[in-house]
Protein backbone atom coordinates (compact mmCIF):
# COMPACT_ATOMS: atom_id res chain seq x y z
CA MET A 1 -26.94 -20.36 -65.89
CA ARG A 2 -27.97 -17.61 -63.51
CA THR A 3 -25.51 -15.76 -61.30
CA PHE A 4 -25.45 -13.58 -58.21
CA ILE A 5 -25.73 -9.84 -58.81
CA ALA A 6 -24.44 -6.91 -56.74
CA GLU A 7 -24.96 -3.99 -59.12
CA GLY A 8 -28.27 -2.59 -60.30
CA PRO A 9 -31.71 -4.23 -60.37
CA CYS A 10 -31.97 -8.00 -60.37
CA ASP A 11 -33.09 -9.66 -63.61
CA PRO A 12 -34.88 -12.96 -62.80
CA LEU A 13 -33.75 -14.43 -66.12
CA ARG A 14 -30.06 -13.85 -65.39
CA HIS A 15 -29.74 -13.58 -61.62
CA HIS A 16 -30.69 -15.49 -58.52
CA HIS A 17 -33.64 -13.62 -57.03
CA LEU A 18 -36.53 -13.76 -54.58
CA PRO A 19 -40.17 -12.96 -55.31
CA ALA A 20 -40.73 -9.23 -55.01
CA ALA A 21 -44.29 -9.13 -53.67
CA PRO A 22 -43.55 -10.46 -50.14
CA ARG A 23 -40.94 -7.73 -49.65
CA LEU A 24 -43.52 -4.95 -50.06
CA PRO A 25 -46.77 -6.54 -48.86
CA GLU A 26 -48.57 -3.26 -48.09
CA ALA A 27 -48.13 -1.76 -51.54
CA ARG A 28 -50.98 -3.41 -53.42
CA GLY A 29 -53.56 -2.37 -50.86
CA LEU A 30 -52.32 1.22 -50.93
CA ILE A 31 -52.40 1.29 -54.73
CA ASP A 32 -55.95 -0.09 -54.80
CA GLU A 33 -56.94 2.69 -52.37
CA GLY A 34 -55.40 5.33 -54.61
CA SER A 35 -52.82 6.32 -52.01
CA TYR A 36 -49.77 8.48 -52.54
CA PHE A 37 -47.15 6.88 -50.31
CA LEU A 38 -43.46 6.53 -49.43
CA VAL A 39 -41.20 3.49 -49.79
CA ARG A 40 -38.09 4.13 -47.72
CA SER A 41 -35.13 1.93 -46.90
CA PRO A 42 -31.33 2.05 -47.15
CA ARG A 43 -29.45 1.87 -50.43
CA ARG A 44 -29.28 -1.42 -52.30
CA THR A 45 -31.90 -3.20 -50.26
CA GLY A 46 -33.95 -4.10 -53.32
CA LYS A 47 -36.29 -1.13 -53.72
CA THR A 48 -35.74 -0.80 -57.48
CA THR A 49 -35.94 -4.55 -58.13
CA THR A 50 -39.14 -4.79 -56.10
CA LEU A 51 -40.82 -1.77 -57.69
CA LEU A 52 -39.94 -2.89 -61.21
CA ALA A 53 -41.39 -6.33 -60.53
CA LEU A 54 -44.51 -4.85 -58.91
CA ALA A 55 -45.06 -2.50 -61.83
CA ALA A 56 -44.69 -5.36 -64.32
CA ASP A 57 -47.15 -7.52 -62.37
CA LEU A 58 -49.74 -4.74 -62.10
CA THR A 59 -49.55 -3.94 -65.80
CA ARG A 60 -49.66 -7.61 -66.84
CA GLU A 61 -52.77 -8.19 -64.70
CA GLY A 62 -54.62 -5.56 -66.69
CA ARG A 63 -55.91 -3.26 -63.97
CA TYR A 64 -53.27 -0.53 -64.10
CA ALA A 65 -50.68 1.08 -66.28
CA ALA A 66 -47.83 0.81 -63.78
CA LEU A 67 -44.42 2.34 -64.36
CA CYS A 68 -41.22 2.67 -62.32
CA VAL A 69 -39.28 5.82 -63.28
CA PRO A 70 -35.64 6.34 -62.19
CA CYS A 71 -35.13 9.86 -60.82
CA ALA A 72 -31.35 9.83 -60.44
CA VAL A 73 -31.06 11.48 -63.86
CA GLY A 74 -32.31 14.68 -62.24
CA GLU A 75 -29.52 14.78 -59.66
CA THR A 76 -28.82 17.15 -57.60
CA SER A 77 -28.53 20.89 -57.24
CA SER A 78 -30.38 23.50 -55.26
CA ASP A 79 -30.22 26.33 -57.79
CA ALA A 80 -33.20 27.27 -59.98
CA PRO A 81 -31.69 26.60 -63.43
CA ARG A 82 -30.75 23.11 -62.34
CA ALA A 83 -34.26 22.64 -60.94
CA GLN A 84 -35.63 23.29 -64.41
CA ALA A 85 -33.13 20.89 -65.96
CA ALA A 86 -34.09 18.25 -63.38
CA GLU A 87 -37.74 18.58 -64.39
CA GLU A 88 -36.84 18.05 -68.06
CA ALA A 89 -34.58 15.09 -67.21
CA LEU A 90 -37.32 13.48 -65.14
CA LEU A 91 -39.79 13.73 -68.02
CA ALA A 92 -37.24 12.23 -70.42
CA SER A 93 -36.68 9.37 -67.97
CA LEU A 94 -40.43 8.80 -67.73
CA ARG A 95 -40.69 8.68 -71.53
CA LEU A 96 -37.86 6.17 -71.89
CA ALA A 97 -39.16 3.95 -69.09
CA ALA A 98 -42.62 3.89 -70.69
CA GLU A 99 -41.20 2.95 -74.09
CA HIS A 100 -39.27 0.13 -72.49
CA ASP A 101 -41.80 -1.25 -70.02
CA LEU A 102 -45.32 -0.43 -71.28
CA PRO A 103 -47.22 -1.59 -74.37
CA PRO A 104 -47.88 1.18 -76.92
CA ALA A 105 -51.52 1.63 -75.92
CA LEU A 106 -50.52 2.57 -72.37
CA ARG A 107 -47.63 4.91 -73.12
CA PRO A 108 -47.98 8.66 -72.60
CA PRO A 109 -48.77 10.90 -75.58
CA ALA A 110 -46.55 13.79 -76.59
CA PHE A 111 -46.08 16.01 -73.57
CA PRO A 112 -47.78 19.39 -74.04
CA PRO A 113 -45.76 22.60 -73.74
CA SER A 114 -46.02 24.14 -70.30
CA ALA A 115 -44.48 26.78 -68.09
CA GLU A 116 -41.40 25.93 -66.03
CA GLY A 117 -42.37 24.35 -62.77
CA THR A 118 -45.58 22.84 -64.24
CA ARG A 119 -44.19 20.51 -66.90
CA LEU A 120 -44.55 17.34 -64.82
CA LEU A 121 -48.07 18.35 -63.81
CA SER A 122 -49.09 18.92 -67.44
CA ALA A 123 -47.40 15.75 -68.70
CA LEU A 124 -49.07 13.50 -66.12
CA ASP A 125 -52.41 15.21 -66.78
CA ALA A 126 -52.11 14.47 -70.50
CA TRP A 127 -51.04 10.88 -69.89
CA ALA A 128 -53.90 10.13 -67.48
CA ARG A 129 -56.48 11.59 -69.89
CA ALA A 130 -55.19 9.45 -72.76
CA CYS A 131 -54.48 6.21 -70.85
CA PRO A 132 -57.26 3.58 -70.86
CA ARG A 133 -56.27 2.41 -67.34
CA PRO A 134 -55.58 4.14 -64.02
CA ILE A 135 -51.88 4.94 -63.66
CA ALA A 136 -49.69 3.66 -60.81
CA LEU A 137 -46.47 5.67 -60.87
CA PHE A 138 -43.35 4.77 -58.89
CA LEU A 139 -40.67 7.49 -58.69
CA ASP A 140 -37.51 5.62 -57.74
CA ASP A 141 -34.63 7.32 -55.91
CA ILE A 142 -36.62 10.54 -55.62
CA ASP A 143 -34.13 11.77 -53.00
CA ALA A 144 -31.57 12.15 -55.80
CA LEU A 145 -33.40 15.45 -56.33
CA ARG A 146 -32.66 18.16 -53.78
CA GLY A 147 -33.79 21.63 -52.82
CA PRO A 148 -35.98 23.43 -55.43
CA SER A 149 -35.89 20.38 -57.75
CA LEU A 150 -37.47 18.13 -55.15
CA ARG A 151 -39.89 20.72 -53.85
CA SER A 152 -41.10 21.48 -57.37
CA VAL A 153 -41.76 17.80 -58.13
CA LEU A 154 -43.55 17.23 -54.83
CA GLY A 155 -45.62 20.38 -55.30
CA GLN A 156 -46.75 19.34 -58.77
CA LEU A 157 -47.72 15.88 -57.55
CA ALA A 158 -49.74 17.43 -54.75
CA ALA A 159 -51.43 19.84 -57.17
CA GLY A 160 -52.65 17.01 -59.38
CA PHE A 161 -53.81 14.72 -56.58
CA SER A 162 -57.43 15.89 -56.62
CA ARG A 163 -57.72 15.22 -60.38
CA ARG A 164 -57.09 11.51 -60.15
CA PRO A 165 -57.81 9.12 -61.76
CA ALA A 166 -59.34 10.88 -64.80
CA ALA A 167 -56.61 13.50 -65.18
CA PHE A 168 -53.73 12.38 -62.95
CA PRO A 169 -52.07 9.14 -61.76
CA TRP A 170 -54.30 7.14 -59.43
CA SER A 171 -51.46 6.16 -57.10
CA VAL A 172 -47.91 7.47 -56.71
CA ALA A 173 -45.10 5.93 -54.66
CA LEU A 174 -41.90 7.82 -53.82
CA SER A 175 -38.89 5.57 -53.23
CA SER A 176 -36.00 7.02 -51.23
CA GLU A 177 -33.14 6.26 -48.90
CA LEU A 178 -33.73 9.28 -46.67
CA ASP A 179 -36.85 10.42 -44.89
CA LEU A 180 -38.20 13.15 -47.15
CA ARG A 181 -40.13 14.61 -44.26
CA ASP A 182 -37.20 15.69 -42.14
CA GLU A 183 -33.84 15.22 -43.84
CA ARG A 184 -31.35 17.68 -45.30
CA LEU A 185 -32.60 18.15 -48.83
CA GLY A 186 -30.10 20.58 -50.25
CA GLY A 187 -28.12 23.74 -49.91
CA GLY A 188 -26.48 22.63 -46.68
CA GLU A 189 -29.50 23.79 -44.71
CA LEU A 190 -32.27 21.82 -43.09
CA ALA A 191 -34.75 22.49 -45.88
CA ARG A 192 -37.72 20.42 -44.75
CA ALA A 193 -39.87 19.40 -47.66
CA GLY A 194 -42.93 19.29 -45.42
CA LEU A 195 -44.32 16.67 -47.76
CA PRO A 196 -47.55 17.88 -49.38
CA GLY A 197 -50.80 16.46 -48.08
CA PRO A 198 -51.16 13.31 -50.22
CA PHE A 199 -47.93 11.78 -48.95
CA ASP A 200 -49.00 11.00 -45.41
CA VAL A 201 -48.50 7.24 -45.64
CA ALA A 202 -45.14 5.53 -45.33
CA VAL A 203 -44.79 1.84 -46.16
CA SER A 204 -43.08 -0.10 -43.38
CA THR A 205 -39.35 -0.10 -44.08
CA GLU A 206 -38.81 -3.35 -42.22
CA ALA A 207 -39.98 -5.50 -45.14
CA MET A 208 -37.53 -3.82 -47.51
CA ARG A 209 -34.57 -3.64 -45.21
CA ARG A 210 -33.12 -7.15 -45.32
CA PHE A 211 -33.70 -10.79 -46.17
CA THR A 212 -34.95 -13.15 -43.50
CA GLU A 213 -32.98 -16.27 -42.68
CA ASP A 214 -35.37 -18.34 -44.80
CA GLU A 215 -35.00 -15.94 -47.74
CA THR A 216 -31.21 -16.03 -47.55
CA ARG A 217 -31.29 -19.81 -47.47
CA ALA A 218 -33.67 -19.86 -50.43
CA LEU A 219 -31.41 -17.61 -52.51
CA TYR A 220 -28.33 -19.74 -51.89
CA ALA A 221 -30.41 -22.88 -52.55
CA GLN A 222 -31.02 -21.56 -56.09
CA HIS A 223 -27.26 -21.54 -56.64
CA ALA A 224 -26.98 -25.06 -55.24
CA ALA A 225 -29.79 -26.35 -57.48
CA GLU A 226 -28.28 -24.87 -60.64
CA THR A 227 -24.59 -25.65 -60.01
CA GLY A 228 -24.62 -28.62 -57.64
CA GLN A 229 -22.57 -26.60 -55.18
CA ARG A 230 -24.43 -26.55 -51.89
CA PHE A 231 -23.76 -24.54 -48.75
CA ASP A 232 -23.34 -26.77 -45.71
CA GLU A 233 -25.10 -25.70 -42.52
CA PRO A 234 -22.06 -24.01 -40.88
CA ALA A 235 -21.50 -22.11 -44.14
CA LEU A 236 -25.08 -20.85 -44.17
CA ARG A 237 -24.73 -19.76 -40.56
CA ALA A 238 -21.51 -17.95 -41.39
CA ALA A 239 -23.16 -16.22 -44.37
CA LEU A 240 -26.08 -15.09 -42.22
CA GLY A 241 -23.67 -13.70 -39.63
CA ALA A 242 -21.54 -11.93 -42.21
CA THR A 243 -24.39 -10.26 -44.10
CA ALA A 244 -27.18 -9.85 -41.50
CA GLY A 245 -29.47 -10.51 -44.49
CA HIS A 246 -28.65 -7.27 -46.29
CA PRO A 247 -29.73 -8.04 -49.89
CA PHE A 248 -26.67 -6.45 -51.49
CA LEU A 249 -24.26 -8.25 -49.16
CA VAL A 250 -26.07 -11.58 -49.52
CA GLN A 251 -25.69 -11.30 -53.29
CA ALA A 252 -22.12 -9.93 -53.17
CA LEU A 253 -20.98 -12.68 -50.80
CA GLY A 254 -22.63 -15.34 -52.95
CA ARG A 255 -20.88 -13.99 -56.03
CA GLU A 256 -17.51 -13.90 -54.25
CA ILE A 257 -17.92 -17.50 -53.11
CA ALA A 258 -19.09 -18.71 -56.51
CA ARG A 259 -16.10 -17.12 -58.24
CA GLY A 260 -13.60 -18.87 -56.01
CA ALA A 261 -15.10 -22.33 -55.65
CA GLU A 262 -15.15 -25.39 -57.87
CA PRO A 263 -18.55 -27.09 -58.09
CA PRO A 264 -19.74 -29.49 -56.84
CA ALA A 265 -17.49 -29.23 -53.76
CA PRO A 266 -19.67 -27.90 -50.92
CA VAL A 267 -19.16 -24.41 -49.59
CA THR A 268 -17.79 -24.48 -46.04
CA ALA A 269 -17.79 -21.89 -43.27
CA GLU A 270 -14.09 -21.28 -43.90
CA ARG A 271 -14.80 -20.46 -47.55
CA VAL A 272 -17.53 -18.05 -46.48
CA GLU A 273 -15.26 -16.33 -43.95
CA GLU A 274 -12.47 -15.99 -46.52
CA ALA A 275 -14.90 -14.53 -49.08
CA ALA A 276 -16.28 -12.08 -46.50
CA ALA A 277 -12.74 -11.01 -45.62
CA ARG A 278 -12.00 -10.31 -49.29
CA LEU A 279 -15.09 -8.10 -49.47
CA VAL A 280 -13.87 -6.21 -46.40
CA GLN A 281 -10.39 -5.94 -47.88
CA ARG A 282 -11.84 -4.36 -51.03
CA GLY A 283 -14.24 -2.14 -49.09
CA VAL A 284 -17.35 -3.66 -50.68
CA THR A 285 -20.46 -2.16 -49.09
CA PRO A 286 -23.94 -1.11 -50.16
CA ILE A 287 -23.41 2.27 -48.50
CA ASP A 288 -22.14 4.88 -50.93
CA ASN A 289 -18.98 6.69 -49.77
CA LEU A 290 -18.98 4.96 -46.39
CA ALA A 291 -15.48 6.22 -45.60
CA ALA A 292 -16.64 9.82 -46.08
CA LEU A 293 -19.85 9.22 -44.17
CA LEU A 294 -17.88 8.01 -41.15
CA GLY A 295 -16.42 11.51 -41.01
CA ASP A 296 -19.89 13.08 -40.92
CA GLU A 297 -20.55 14.51 -37.45
CA ARG A 298 -23.99 12.88 -37.32
CA VAL A 299 -22.45 9.46 -37.92
CA ARG A 300 -19.43 10.04 -35.69
CA ARG A 301 -21.63 10.97 -32.71
CA VAL A 302 -23.22 7.52 -32.92
CA ILE A 303 -20.39 5.27 -34.10
CA GLU A 304 -17.61 6.59 -31.84
CA PRO A 305 -19.27 5.60 -28.53
CA LEU A 306 -20.29 2.27 -30.08
CA LEU A 307 -16.70 1.46 -30.94
CA ALA A 308 -15.50 2.68 -27.56
CA GLY A 309 -18.06 0.43 -25.88
CA ARG A 310 -19.58 3.31 -23.93
CA VAL A 311 -23.21 3.57 -22.90
CA ASP A 312 -23.52 7.26 -23.82
CA VAL A 313 -24.62 6.25 -27.32
CA ALA A 314 -28.03 6.13 -25.63
CA ALA A 315 -27.78 9.90 -25.25
CA ALA A 316 -27.06 10.45 -28.96
CA ARG A 317 -29.54 12.65 -30.72
CA ALA A 318 -32.49 10.71 -32.09
CA GLU A 319 -32.03 12.26 -35.52
CA ASP A 320 -28.39 11.11 -35.61
CA VAL A 321 -29.39 7.53 -34.84
CA ALA A 322 -32.20 7.75 -37.41
CA TYR A 323 -29.77 9.00 -40.04
CA ALA A 324 -27.30 6.18 -39.35
CA ARG A 325 -30.19 3.74 -39.75
CA ASP A 326 -31.42 5.44 -42.93
CA ILE A 327 -28.09 4.93 -44.68
CA GLY A 328 -28.02 1.28 -43.57
CA LEU A 329 -25.13 1.51 -41.11
CA LEU A 330 -27.11 0.61 -37.97
CA ALA A 331 -29.53 -2.24 -37.41
CA PRO A 332 -33.16 -1.11 -37.65
CA ASP A 333 -34.02 -2.00 -34.06
CA ALA A 334 -32.60 -1.43 -30.58
CA PRO A 335 -29.99 -1.58 -29.22
CA ALA A 336 -28.00 0.67 -31.53
CA ARG A 337 -25.41 -1.53 -33.26
CA VAL A 338 -23.54 -2.10 -36.49
CA GLU A 339 -25.03 -5.34 -37.78
CA GLY A 340 -23.39 -8.07 -39.84
CA GLY A 341 -19.79 -9.23 -39.72
CA ILE A 342 -18.81 -7.51 -42.97
CA HIS A 343 -19.90 -4.07 -41.83
CA ARG A 344 -18.65 -4.64 -38.29
CA ALA A 345 -15.20 -5.36 -39.71
CA LEU A 346 -15.33 -2.68 -42.38
CA VAL A 347 -16.12 0.28 -40.12
CA PRO A 348 -12.96 0.11 -37.94
CA ARG A 349 -10.90 -0.88 -40.99
CA LEU A 350 -11.93 2.27 -42.85
CA LEU A 351 -11.28 4.41 -39.78
CA ALA A 352 -7.83 2.84 -39.38
CA SER A 353 -6.94 2.99 -43.08
CA GLY A 354 -4.87 6.15 -42.65
CA VAL A 355 -2.60 4.32 -40.23
CA GLU A 356 -2.41 1.26 -42.46
CA ARG A 357 -1.12 3.43 -45.31
CA VAL A 358 1.85 4.77 -43.34
CA VAL A 359 3.10 1.54 -41.75
CA THR A 360 6.44 0.71 -43.39
CA ASP A 361 7.22 -2.51 -41.48
CA ASP A 362 7.42 -5.45 -43.89
CA PRO A 363 4.53 -7.87 -43.18
CA ALA A 364 6.67 -10.83 -44.33
CA GLN A 365 8.81 -10.61 -41.17
CA PHE A 366 5.84 -11.68 -39.04
CA PHE A 367 5.45 -14.98 -40.91
CA PRO A 368 8.50 -17.25 -40.59
CA GLY A 369 9.02 -20.37 -42.68
CA ASP A 370 6.10 -22.35 -41.24
CA GLY A 371 3.63 -19.63 -42.25
CA ARG A 372 2.41 -19.02 -38.72
CA LEU A 373 2.05 -15.50 -37.35
CA ASP A 374 4.80 -14.61 -34.85
CA MET A 375 2.56 -12.82 -32.35
CA ALA A 376 5.34 -11.85 -29.95
CA LEU A 377 7.33 -10.21 -32.74
CA LEU A 378 4.22 -8.43 -34.03
CA LEU A 379 3.52 -6.91 -30.63
CA ASP A 380 7.16 -5.94 -30.17
CA ARG A 381 7.27 -4.16 -33.54
CA PHE A 382 3.97 -2.44 -32.85
CA ALA A 383 5.27 -1.17 -29.51
CA ALA A 384 8.21 0.43 -31.31
CA PHE A 385 5.94 1.87 -33.99
CA HIS A 386 3.54 3.26 -31.38
CA ALA A 387 6.36 4.84 -29.41
CA ALA A 388 7.57 6.67 -32.50
CA HIS A 389 4.29 7.58 -34.20
CA GLY A 390 1.33 6.66 -32.00
CA GLU A 391 0.58 10.05 -30.50
CA ALA A 392 0.81 11.91 -33.81
CA LEU A 393 -1.44 9.38 -35.55
CA ALA A 394 -3.93 9.42 -32.69
CA ARG A 395 -4.19 13.21 -32.90
CA ALA A 396 -4.99 12.94 -36.60
CA THR A 397 -8.19 10.93 -36.13
CA ALA A 398 -11.60 12.48 -35.52
CA TYR A 399 -12.54 9.49 -33.35
CA GLU A 400 -10.62 10.63 -30.26
CA ALA A 401 -12.26 8.14 -27.89
CA ILE A 402 -10.70 5.17 -29.73
CA ALA A 403 -7.70 6.83 -31.35
CA PRO A 404 -5.00 4.47 -29.96
CA GLU A 405 -7.15 1.43 -30.74
CA LEU A 406 -7.40 2.60 -34.35
CA VAL A 407 -3.62 2.95 -34.51
CA LEU A 408 -3.22 -0.69 -33.44
CA LEU A 409 -5.97 -1.89 -35.81
CA GLY A 410 -4.34 -0.09 -38.71
CA TYR A 411 -1.04 -1.76 -37.87
CA LEU A 412 -2.69 -5.20 -37.61
CA HIS A 413 -4.41 -4.81 -40.98
CA ARG A 414 -1.10 -3.90 -42.57
CA ALA A 415 0.73 -6.76 -40.89
CA LEU A 416 -1.82 -9.39 -41.96
CA HIS A 417 -2.51 -7.95 -45.41
CA GLY A 418 -3.10 -10.83 -47.81
CA ARG A 419 -2.13 -13.42 -45.22
CA GLY A 420 -4.83 -13.32 -42.57
CA LEU A 421 -8.04 -11.79 -41.31
CA VAL A 422 -8.75 -9.16 -38.65
CA ALA A 423 -12.22 -9.34 -37.06
CA CYS A 424 -13.53 -6.91 -34.43
CA ASP A 425 -16.30 -7.16 -31.86
CA TYR A 426 -17.60 -4.07 -30.10
CA GLY A 427 -20.81 -2.51 -28.87
CA VAL A 428 -22.73 -0.56 -26.27
CA GLY A 429 -21.49 -1.06 -22.72
CA ARG A 430 -18.69 -3.48 -23.62
CA GLY A 431 -15.92 -1.08 -22.63
CA ARG A 432 -13.39 -2.63 -25.01
CA ILE A 433 -12.79 -3.92 -28.52
CA ASP A 434 -12.25 -7.66 -28.98
CA VAL A 435 -10.04 -8.60 -31.92
CA LEU A 436 -9.59 -12.01 -33.53
CA LEU A 437 -6.70 -12.61 -35.93
CA SER A 438 -7.10 -15.64 -38.17
CA VAL A 439 -4.30 -16.98 -40.38
CA PRO A 440 -5.06 -19.84 -42.82
CA LEU A 441 -2.54 -22.69 -42.67
CA GLY A 442 -3.48 -24.79 -45.68
CA ASP A 443 -4.91 -28.14 -44.69
CA ALA A 444 -4.22 -27.50 -41.00
CA PRO A 445 -6.69 -25.57 -38.82
CA ALA A 446 -6.26 -21.81 -39.06
CA GLN A 447 -4.11 -20.07 -36.45
CA ARG A 448 -6.28 -17.85 -34.25
CA GLU A 449 -5.04 -15.12 -31.93
CA ALA A 450 -7.32 -13.19 -29.56
CA LEU A 451 -6.69 -9.64 -28.35
CA VAL A 452 -8.68 -7.41 -26.02
CA LEU A 453 -8.10 -3.66 -26.39
CA VAL A 454 -8.84 -1.48 -23.35
CA SER A 455 -8.30 2.23 -22.63
CA ARG A 456 -7.65 3.58 -19.14
CA ARG A 457 -8.65 7.19 -18.52
CA LYS A 458 -8.22 9.64 -15.67
CA GLY A 459 -10.06 8.55 -12.55
CA GLU A 460 -10.55 4.95 -13.69
CA ARG A 461 -9.22 2.07 -11.64
CA GLY A 462 -8.97 -1.65 -12.25
CA ALA A 463 -8.63 -1.48 -16.05
CA LYS A 464 -6.04 -4.26 -16.13
CA LYS A 465 -8.11 -6.53 -13.90
CA ARG A 466 -11.24 -5.97 -15.98
CA GLY A 467 -9.26 -6.51 -19.17
CA LEU A 468 -7.91 -9.86 -17.99
CA GLY A 469 -11.44 -10.95 -17.10
CA TRP A 470 -12.68 -9.91 -20.54
CA LEU A 471 -9.77 -11.78 -22.13
CA ASP A 472 -10.78 -14.92 -20.24
CA ALA A 473 -14.33 -14.55 -21.58
CA ALA A 474 -13.03 -14.15 -25.14
CA LEU A 475 -10.77 -17.18 -24.80
CA ASP A 476 -13.67 -19.23 -23.41
CA ARG A 477 -15.80 -18.25 -26.41
CA LEU A 478 -13.06 -19.02 -28.92
CA GLN A 479 -11.78 -22.12 -27.10
CA LEU A 480 -8.21 -20.77 -26.94
CA GLN A 481 -5.66 -21.15 -24.17
CA GLU A 482 -3.75 -17.86 -24.46
CA GLY A 483 -4.30 -14.34 -25.69
CA THR A 484 -3.22 -10.72 -25.53
CA LEU A 485 -4.42 -7.76 -23.47
CA VAL A 486 -3.47 -4.32 -24.78
CA LEU A 487 -4.00 -1.48 -22.30
CA PHE A 488 -3.82 2.07 -23.62
CA ASP A 489 -3.07 4.39 -20.74
CA ARG A 490 -4.86 7.61 -21.69
CA ARG A 491 -3.98 9.41 -18.43
CA LYS A 492 -1.81 12.44 -19.05
CA SER A 493 -0.16 11.88 -15.68
CA ALA A 494 1.36 8.54 -16.75
CA PRO A 495 5.15 8.95 -17.16
CA ARG A 496 6.09 8.83 -20.82
CA HIS A 497 9.13 6.62 -20.27
CA SER A 498 7.02 3.94 -18.58
CA ARG A 499 4.06 3.92 -20.90
CA ILE A 500 5.18 1.07 -23.16
CA ARG A 501 5.71 -2.19 -21.34
CA MET A 502 5.46 -5.81 -22.44
CA ARG A 503 5.21 -8.71 -20.03
CA GLN A 504 3.44 -11.98 -19.42
CA LEU A 505 0.56 -12.35 -16.94
CA ARG A 506 -2.05 -14.91 -15.99
CA THR A 507 -5.79 -14.45 -16.45
CA PRO A 508 -8.13 -15.17 -13.52
CA LYS A 509 -8.57 -18.67 -14.97
CA GLY A 510 -4.83 -19.25 -15.16
CA ARG A 511 -4.33 -18.79 -18.90
CA ILE A 512 -1.23 -17.14 -20.36
CA ALA A 513 -1.80 -13.50 -21.27
CA ARG A 514 0.63 -11.32 -23.17
CA PHE A 515 0.20 -7.86 -21.67
CA LEU A 516 1.15 -4.75 -23.61
CA ARG A 517 0.71 -1.42 -21.84
CA THR A 518 1.21 1.79 -23.82
């Protein structure tokens, strides 16, 4: 029985999968034209799976000797000795891939000896001369090479371009996460590769970026057909919202659900939400080192105003926005936004993780015998925690615009750890962060608690009034009758002794609102 997969290329014999060709529809035409082109999209969006399948199809059809070569073995240094080692590693990877994926008649001959910096050129020349078919070569994860290593490879490919197809590959595709034309390629400096002449075509990244709704449904339908465990319609909607169609997250969520469910009981929206929360809890993401990337100035300049709900994200440098999209953190289209419930929850959680690690309050105290969250007690304990540690923790975060909000989110994650879920909603122009706490109660409907987090800064008026209006809107959306407004007074003029206050108010629509001002 096939399973979901979240690591490495998808094997159609063992894993649920989608046909590769529709995800890269431009590639065949470019290969037939003899183009040298780029395939660029974020990590774990299916580039390797698609290129392997395309290479296998092209070879099987008999027109080409097509090969996908992993380049990560040549990773990543800018010094010359390492550049030479990267060249040797790349040739060894090519040899192994050919032995695995090509019939003997199409494999390269022994590579001739050659001077450093020309070994790839000579090897591909020898292969093309000996091969009975034109060669289509896919260099996967080429951006694992940096600095001199990358420039040497690109230069050798450019040098052989005019010899094709008799003495060089007919078509070459470079697969990468980053834009090789204008990204930082090594040494800490903006070392533009200035891609050599042949690589002037870039395949549309939209096809590779994510699954459509129909594709996501089709993938989960494979699981239903093979196990008898179907996703009901609310569950499918919840999965689409959680993953935004990102191939890695669609697969990872499916695997998480399949591990925790007993066929043939249908998968419900609650099961999907619980599985998504577990992925967030474990920090599962297709983006390598996301926590470290959030500290990158390029990323911070985009994500901080998004979380703060400010409109000045529109003024962010275009290259910063492009970089955040390249790594898969932002949606590919406007407006700038973190897309998918898993990533939207994971970003503030990672930023607040430092706070979560230092909270010593016992989470069990917030859940009395009936298992429900004591919201009043939680807010009271947070107020005491914030009074003692809030300013020091806020100073420690690089995201100054939302520092107090991150302190509260870290506290909430610690308080609900293993017992409930913390979901956040934020974005351009919102001016606040909406938070939904959800606590499962067995067979009874889950307890849900809504909070709106607002900061008041110098010169701003009416923050409390706006916050109560926003709380009403959140309660309308969630069909709840009471909620919490937390107002962080960021004005230095506010008296310290009066900063933390708890009281009960009414929203404009007459609902009960717990009001915490710090």
